[in-house]
Amino acid sequence: MEKDEDADDARLFRAAIGEVKPLRAPAAAPPPRPKPRPAAGRRGPADGAATPRIADAPDAALLRGDASAFRRDRLPARAWQRLRRGEYAAQDELDLHGANALQAETLLARFLAEALDHGFSCVRIIHGKGGGDGVPVLKNLVDRWLRQRGDVLAFHSAPPAQGGTGALMVLLARH
């Protein structure tokens, strides 16, 4: 008897509601996702973002607001991404403000040797952004010196809160 009641209830419900029409057509399959592209290929000077100088052009001069970036092949991609996002904490810091080129080179060599002796893996080097309209001397020298050192795995301009394009976060190889 329950089956007859259920059928009657269903018939009464359909009669009360009337003809049912869908509000909209069923959703079509979503369009295929575009293939990922490297971030450097998407950004350009139009969006105002500073673009890192690529390792393939180490002799190109960095300007005041240019970001600096370098990565050795042996550094895992995940570590490189973390460095670029500013996720490493500096274990020590060197501030080169006021130093001339010879002093800066000596201070940098001593600083990196001590950092390696202490087993540090990430340090910050503040070189400044340079003054006036000229090419920043210390910024370009530090960039060049770090690229030549085998114990430097990678470096990238620091996050804005830690010096921005006036400082570098440097990953060191552990011995």
Protein backbone atom coordinates (compact mmCIF):
# COMPACT_ATOMS: atom_id res chain seq x y z
CA MET A 1 0.00 0.00 0.00
CA GLU A 2 2.90 2.33 0.60
CA LYS A 3 3.92 2.12 -3.05
CA ASP A 4 0.51 3.39 -4.15
CA GLU A 5 0.72 6.29 -1.69
CA ASP A 6 4.24 7.23 -2.88
CA ALA A 7 3.07 7.14 -6.52
CA ASP A 8 0.04 9.27 -5.64
CA ASP A 9 2.21 11.78 -3.80
CA ALA A 10 4.57 12.05 -6.77
CA ARG A 11 1.65 12.49 -9.21
CA LEU A 12 0.08 15.18 -7.00
CA PHE A 13 3.42 16.97 -6.70
CA ARG A 14 3.98 17.01 -10.49
CA ALA A 15 0.40 18.25 -11.03
CA ALA A 16 0.89 21.05 -8.50
CA ILE A 17 4.23 22.17 -9.95
CA GLY A 18 3.38 21.92 -13.59
CA GLU A 19 5.86 21.68 -16.43
CA VAL A 20 9.49 22.15 -15.33
CA LYS A 21 12.03 23.94 -17.54
CA PRO A 22 15.73 24.30 -16.76
CA LEU A 23 16.79 27.86 -15.87
CA ARG A 24 19.88 27.72 -18.06
CA ALA A 25 21.59 25.33 -20.37
CA PRO A 26 23.99 22.85 -18.81
CA ALA A 27 27.50 24.19 -18.49
CA ALA A 28 29.82 23.33 -21.33
CA ALA A 29 33.15 21.72 -20.61
CA PRO A 30 35.65 24.32 -19.35
CA PRO A 31 38.13 25.57 -21.94
CA PRO A 32 41.53 23.89 -21.85
CA ARG A 33 44.03 25.51 -19.50
CA PRO A 34 46.85 27.41 -21.18
CA LYS A 35 50.33 25.95 -20.91
CA PRO A 36 52.44 27.57 -18.17
CA ARG A 37 55.04 30.07 -19.30
CA PRO A 38 58.04 31.37 -17.37
CA ALA A 39 57.29 34.55 -15.42
CA ALA A 40 60.01 36.46 -17.24
CA GLY A 41 58.21 35.83 -20.52
CA ARG A 42 54.96 37.31 -19.21
CA ARG A 43 56.36 40.43 -17.61
CA GLY A 44 57.70 43.34 -19.47
CA PRO A 45 58.59 46.92 -18.79
CA ALA A 46 54.93 47.90 -19.32
CA ASP A 47 53.83 46.40 -16.00
CA GLY A 48 56.42 48.36 -14.03
CA ALA A 49 58.01 45.27 -12.51
CA ALA A 50 61.78 45.26 -12.27
CA THR A 51 63.17 42.46 -14.38
CA PRO A 52 66.19 40.56 -13.14
CA ARG A 53 69.28 40.59 -15.25
CA ILE A 54 69.78 37.15 -16.72
CA ALA A 55 72.93 35.15 -16.14
CA ASP A 56 73.49 34.89 -19.90
CA ALA A 57 74.29 38.61 -20.05
CA PRO A 58 76.57 39.17 -17.04
CA ASP A 59 78.27 42.18 -18.62
CA ALA A 60 75.05 44.18 -18.94
CA ALA A 61 75.05 47.04 -16.42
CA LEU A 62 72.34 47.10 -13.78
CA LEU A 63 70.54 50.39 -13.33
CA ARG A 64 69.31 51.88 -10.07
CA GLY A 65 65.93 50.08 -9.86
CA ASP A 66 66.91 46.87 -11.66
CA ALA A 67 66.58 43.60 -9.79
CA SER A 68 69.56 41.29 -9.82
CA ALA A 69 69.34 37.50 -10.08
CA PHE A 70 71.74 34.61 -10.55
CA ARG A 71 71.35 30.84 -10.14
CA ARG A 72 73.75 27.95 -10.58
CA ASP A 73 72.36 24.83 -12.26
CA ARG A 74 73.01 22.70 -9.18
CA LEU A 75 70.54 24.72 -7.08
CA PRO A 76 67.15 22.95 -7.00
CA ALA A 77 64.27 24.83 -8.62
CA ARG A 78 62.31 24.85 -5.35
CA ALA A 79 65.14 26.59 -3.49
CA TRP A 80 65.39 29.16 -6.30
CA GLN A 81 61.65 29.86 -6.07
CA ARG A 82 61.88 30.30 -2.30
CA LEU A 83 64.79 32.72 -2.71
CA ARG A 84 62.93 34.79 -5.30
CA ARG A 85 59.85 34.96 -3.04
CA GLY A 86 61.98 36.12 -0.09
CA GLU A 87 61.27 33.05 2.05
CA TYR A 88 64.83 32.67 3.39
CA ALA A 89 65.95 34.44 6.54
CA ALA A 90 69.38 36.02 6.42
CA GLN A 91 71.71 34.55 9.02
CA ASP A 92 74.15 37.47 8.73
CA GLU A 93 74.38 40.80 6.94
CA LEU A 94 77.05 42.99 5.35
CA ASP A 95 76.37 46.68 4.70
CA LEU A 96 78.69 48.19 2.08
CA HIS A 97 77.32 51.76 2.24
CA GLY A 98 80.18 54.25 2.14
CA ALA A 99 82.81 51.75 0.96
CA ASN A 100 84.82 52.31 -2.21
CA ALA A 101 85.32 49.49 -4.71
CA LEU A 102 88.56 48.18 -3.15
CA GLN A 103 87.18 48.28 0.40
CA ALA A 104 83.94 46.63 -0.73
CA GLU A 105 85.78 43.76 -2.43
CA THR A 106 87.89 43.13 0.68
CA LEU A 107 84.90 43.35 3.04
CA LEU A 108 82.83 41.06 0.83
CA ALA A 109 85.55 38.39 0.57
CA ARG A 110 86.09 38.43 4.35
CA PHE A 111 82.35 38.39 5.06
CA LEU A 112 81.68 35.40 2.79
CA ALA A 113 84.64 33.47 4.23
CA GLU A 114 83.34 34.02 7.78
CA ALA A 115 79.78 33.12 6.77
CA LEU A 116 80.99 29.85 5.26
CA ASP A 117 83.12 29.13 8.36
CA HIS A 118 80.01 29.54 10.52
CA GLY A 119 78.00 27.24 8.23
CA PHE A 120 75.55 29.96 7.17
CA SER A 121 73.46 29.15 4.12
CA CYS A 122 71.79 32.53 3.51
CA VAL A 123 73.20 36.03 3.97
CA ARG A 124 72.14 39.53 2.98
CA ILE A 125 74.51 41.97 1.30
CA ILE A 126 73.45 45.61 1.24
CA HIS A 127 75.14 47.45 -1.62
CA GLY A 128 72.73 50.36 -1.98
CA LYS A 129 70.90 51.53 -5.06
CA GLY A 130 73.47 54.10 -6.14
CA GLY A 131 72.99 57.80 -6.26
CA GLY A 132 72.05 60.25 -8.96
CA ASP A 133 71.48 59.32 -12.58
CA GLY A 134 74.59 57.20 -13.03
CA VAL A 135 75.03 53.44 -13.04
CA PRO A 136 75.31 52.14 -9.44
CA VAL A 137 78.95 51.12 -9.03
CA LEU A 138 78.80 48.88 -5.95
CA LYS A 139 75.62 47.16 -7.08
CA ASN A 140 77.26 46.12 -10.36
CA LEU A 141 80.56 45.16 -8.73
CA VAL A 142 78.90 42.98 -6.07
CA ASP A 143 76.78 41.31 -8.76
CA ARG A 144 79.89 40.52 -10.82
CA TRP A 145 81.99 39.35 -7.84
CA LEU A 146 79.30 37.00 -6.56
CA ARG A 147 78.86 35.38 -9.99
CA GLN A 148 82.57 34.51 -10.00
CA ARG A 149 82.51 32.73 -6.65
CA GLY A 150 81.94 28.98 -6.73
CA ASP A 151 80.59 28.97 -3.17
CA VAL A 152 77.67 31.22 -4.17
CA LEU A 153 74.76 29.06 -5.32
CA ALA A 154 72.37 31.90 -6.11
CA PHE A 155 71.40 35.44 -5.31
CA HIS A 156 68.39 37.62 -5.88
CA SER A 157 67.40 41.16 -5.01
CA ALA A 158 65.94 41.26 -1.52
CA PRO A 159 62.23 41.71 -0.81
CA PRO A 160 61.21 45.39 -0.51
CA ALA A 161 61.06 45.23 3.31
CA GLN A 162 64.66 43.95 3.42
CA GLY A 163 66.30 46.43 1.07
CA GLY A 164 64.69 45.70 -2.30
CA THR A 165 66.99 46.33 -5.26
CA GLY A 166 69.56 47.87 -2.89
CA ALA A 167 70.36 44.50 -1.29
CA LEU A 168 70.89 40.88 -2.25
CA MET A 169 69.83 37.67 -0.58
CA VAL A 170 72.64 35.18 -1.20
CA LEU A 171 72.50 31.37 -0.89
CA LEU A 172 75.84 29.78 -0.07
CA ALA A 173 77.05 26.24 -0.69
CA ARG A 174 77.75 24.30 2.46
CA HIS A 175 81.10 22.59 2.76
